[in-house]
Amino acid sequence: MGLGDMLGKGKDALGDEEKTDQLLDKGQQAAGDRFSGQEDKIQQGRDAIDDRIGDGGQQQDGQQQ
C-alpha cells in the first residue's frame, strides 16, 4: 500500500460521519484515561474536531473549507 492509497482511505473515512464519530469516541476515551480530571477540556476538543471534520469539511453553505 502506497502513500496515495493511505491518503485515499483517510479521505474516505473523513467522509463517513459514523466512522469519524467512532474514532473520536475512542480518542476521547483514551485521553480521559490518560488525563483524568480534564473531561470537560477533552469533550470540548472532541466537539471542535467533530465540528471541523464530522461533515466532511463542508461549511454550512456547501463550500469546501
N, C-alpha and C. Protein backbone atom coordinates (compact mmCIF):
# COMPACT_ATOMS: atom_id res chain seq x y z
N MET A 1 0.85 -1.17 0.00
CA MET A 1 0.00 0.00 0.00
C MET A 1 0.90 1.24 0.00
N GLY A 2 0.66 2.09 -0.97
CA GLY A 2 1.44 3.30 -1.09
C GLY A 2 0.82 4.46 -0.33
N LEU A 3 1.55 5.56 -0.30
CA LEU A 3 1.08 6.75 0.41
C LEU A 3 -0.24 7.25 -0.18
N GLY A 4 -0.36 7.21 -1.49
CA GLY A 4 -1.60 7.66 -2.12
C GLY A 4 -2.80 6.82 -1.69
N ASP A 5 -2.59 5.51 -1.56
CA ASP A 5 -3.66 4.63 -1.11
C ASP A 5 -4.08 4.97 0.32
N MET A 6 -3.10 5.23 1.17
CA MET A 6 -3.41 5.57 2.57
C MET A 6 -4.15 6.90 2.64
N LEU A 7 -3.73 7.87 1.84
CA LEU A 7 -4.42 9.16 1.83
C LEU A 7 -5.85 9.01 1.35
N GLY A 8 -6.06 8.18 0.35
CA GLY A 8 -7.41 7.94 -0.15
C GLY A 8 -8.30 7.32 0.91
N LYS A 9 -7.77 6.36 1.65
CA LYS A 9 -8.55 5.73 2.72
C LYS A 9 -8.88 6.74 3.82
N GLY A 10 -7.92 7.60 4.12
CA GLY A 10 -8.16 8.63 5.14
C GLY A 10 -9.26 9.59 4.71
N LYS A 11 -9.24 10.00 3.46
CA LYS A 11 -10.28 10.89 2.95
C LYS A 11 -11.64 10.21 2.96
N ASP A 12 -11.66 8.92 2.62
CA ASP A 12 -12.92 8.17 2.66
C ASP A 12 -13.47 8.12 4.07
N ALA A 13 -12.59 7.87 5.04
CA ALA A 13 -13.02 7.78 6.44
C ALA A 13 -13.57 9.12 6.92
N LEU A 14 -12.97 10.21 6.50
CA LEU A 14 -13.45 11.53 6.94
C LEU A 14 -14.82 11.85 6.37
N GLY A 15 -15.20 11.22 5.28
CA GLY A 15 -16.50 11.46 4.69
C GLY A 15 -17.61 10.62 5.31
N ASP A 16 -17.28 9.75 6.23
CA ASP A 16 -18.26 8.85 6.86
C ASP A 16 -18.47 9.29 8.30
N GLU A 17 -19.59 9.94 8.56
CA GLU A 17 -19.88 10.51 9.89
C GLU A 17 -19.81 9.45 10.99
N GLU A 18 -20.32 8.28 10.72
CA GLU A 18 -20.33 7.22 11.74
C GLU A 18 -18.90 6.79 12.10
N LYS A 19 -18.04 6.67 11.09
CA LYS A 19 -16.65 6.27 11.34
C LYS A 19 -15.91 7.35 12.12
N THR A 20 -16.11 8.61 11.73
CA THR A 20 -15.40 9.68 12.44
C THR A 20 -15.87 9.77 13.89
N ASP A 21 -17.16 9.58 14.12
CA ASP A 21 -17.66 9.60 15.49
C ASP A 21 -17.06 8.47 16.32
N GLN A 22 -16.94 7.28 15.72
CA GLN A 22 -16.35 6.14 16.43
C GLN A 22 -14.90 6.42 16.78
N LEU A 23 -14.15 6.97 15.82
CA LEU A 23 -12.74 7.28 16.08
C LEU A 23 -12.59 8.37 17.14
N LEU A 24 -13.43 9.38 17.06
CA LEU A 24 -13.37 10.45 18.05
C LEU A 24 -13.75 9.94 19.44
N ASP A 25 -14.73 9.04 19.51
CA ASP A 25 -15.11 8.46 20.80
C ASP A 25 -13.96 7.66 21.41
N LYS A 26 -13.26 6.89 20.57
CA LYS A 26 -12.11 6.12 21.05
C LYS A 26 -11.00 7.04 21.54
N GLY A 27 -10.75 8.10 20.79
CA GLY A 27 -9.73 9.07 21.20
C GLY A 27 -10.11 9.78 22.48
N GLN A 28 -11.38 10.12 22.62
CA GLN A 28 -11.85 10.77 23.84
C GLN A 28 -11.68 9.85 25.04
N GLN A 29 -12.00 8.58 24.86
CA GLN A 29 -11.86 7.61 25.94
C GLN A 29 -10.39 7.46 26.34
N ALA A 30 -9.51 7.35 25.36
CA ALA A 30 -8.08 7.20 25.64
C ALA A 30 -7.54 8.44 26.36
N ALA A 31 -7.95 9.62 25.90
CA ALA A 31 -7.49 10.85 26.54
C ALA A 31 -8.03 10.95 27.96
N GLY A 32 -9.28 10.55 28.16
CA GLY A 32 -9.87 10.57 29.51
C GLY A 32 -9.15 9.63 30.46
N ASP A 33 -8.75 8.47 29.94
CA ASP A 33 -7.99 7.53 30.77
C ASP A 33 -6.63 8.10 31.15
N ARG A 34 -6.02 8.82 30.24
CA ARG A 34 -4.67 9.35 30.45
C ARG A 34 -4.68 10.63 31.28
N PHE A 35 -5.67 11.47 31.08
CA PHE A 35 -5.71 12.79 31.70
C PHE A 35 -6.97 12.95 32.55
N SER A 36 -7.06 12.18 33.60
CA SER A 36 -8.25 12.25 34.45
C SER A 36 -8.39 13.65 35.05
N GLY A 37 -9.62 14.07 35.22
CA GLY A 37 -9.89 15.39 35.75
C GLY A 37 -10.00 16.46 34.68
N GLN A 38 -9.74 16.10 33.44
CA GLN A 38 -9.78 17.07 32.33
C GLN A 38 -10.91 16.75 31.35
N GLU A 39 -11.94 16.07 31.83
CA GLU A 39 -13.01 15.60 30.96
C GLU A 39 -13.69 16.73 30.18
N ASP A 40 -13.88 17.88 30.81
CA ASP A 40 -14.52 19.00 30.12
C ASP A 40 -13.69 19.48 28.95
N LYS A 41 -12.39 19.62 29.15
CA LYS A 41 -11.49 20.07 28.08
C LYS A 41 -11.42 19.03 26.96
N ILE A 42 -11.38 17.76 27.33
CA ILE A 42 -11.34 16.69 26.34
C ILE A 42 -12.62 16.70 25.51
N GLN A 43 -13.76 16.89 26.15
CA GLN A 43 -15.04 16.95 25.43
C GLN A 43 -15.06 18.15 24.49
N GLN A 44 -14.55 19.29 24.94
CA GLN A 44 -14.50 20.48 24.09
C GLN A 44 -13.64 20.22 22.85
N GLY A 45 -12.51 19.56 23.06
CA GLY A 45 -11.63 19.24 21.94
C GLY A 45 -12.29 18.28 20.97
N ARG A 46 -12.96 17.27 21.51
CA ARG A 46 -13.65 16.29 20.66
C ARG A 46 -14.73 16.97 19.84
N ASP A 47 -15.49 17.86 20.48
CA ASP A 47 -16.57 18.57 19.79
C ASP A 47 -16.02 19.47 18.69
N ALA A 48 -14.90 20.14 18.98
CA ALA A 48 -14.29 21.03 17.98
C ALA A 48 -13.82 20.24 16.76
N ILE A 49 -13.22 19.09 17.00
CA ILE A 49 -12.77 18.26 15.88
C ILE A 49 -13.98 17.75 15.09
N ASP A 50 -15.01 17.31 15.80
CA ASP A 50 -16.20 16.80 15.13
C ASP A 50 -16.86 17.89 14.29
N ASP A 51 -16.89 19.11 14.79
CA ASP A 51 -17.45 20.22 14.03
C ASP A 51 -16.65 20.46 12.76
N ARG A 52 -15.35 20.25 12.84
CA ARG A 52 -14.47 20.52 11.70
C ARG A 52 -14.52 19.41 10.65
N ILE A 53 -14.50 18.15 11.09
CA ILE A 53 -14.42 17.06 10.12
C ILE A 53 -15.67 16.21 10.05
N GLY A 54 -16.57 16.36 10.98
CA GLY A 54 -17.74 15.49 11.05
C GLY A 54 -18.64 15.54 9.85
N ASP A 55 -18.64 16.65 9.15
CA ASP A 55 -19.49 16.77 7.96
C ASP A 55 -18.66 16.71 6.68
N GLY A 56 -17.47 16.13 6.77
CA GLY A 56 -16.61 16.02 5.59
C GLY A 56 -15.91 17.32 5.23
N GLY A 57 -15.85 18.26 6.17
CA GLY A 57 -15.17 19.53 5.92
C GLY A 57 -16.02 20.53 5.14
N GLN A 58 -17.31 20.29 5.05
CA GLN A 58 -18.19 21.20 4.31
C GLN A 58 -18.71 22.29 5.25
N GLN A 59 -18.73 23.50 4.77
CA GLN A 59 -19.33 24.59 5.53
C GLN A 59 -20.83 24.53 5.36
N GLN A 60 -21.54 25.34 6.12
CA GLN A 60 -22.99 25.39 6.06
C GLN A 60 -23.50 25.66 4.65
N ASP A 61 -22.80 26.51 3.90
CA ASP A 61 -23.27 26.87 2.55
C ASP A 61 -22.80 25.88 1.49
N GLY A 62 -22.15 24.77 1.91
CA GLY A 62 -21.75 23.73 0.98
C GLY A 62 -20.39 23.90 0.36
N GLN A 63 -19.68 24.97 0.71
CA GLN A 63 -18.35 25.20 0.18
C GLN A 63 -17.32 24.44 0.99
N GLN A 64 -16.27 23.97 0.30
CA GLN A 64 -15.18 23.26 0.98
C GLN A 64 -14.38 24.24 1.81
N GLN A 65 -13.99 23.80 3.01
CA GLN A 65 -13.18 24.68 3.87
C GLN A 65 -11.73 24.61 3.47
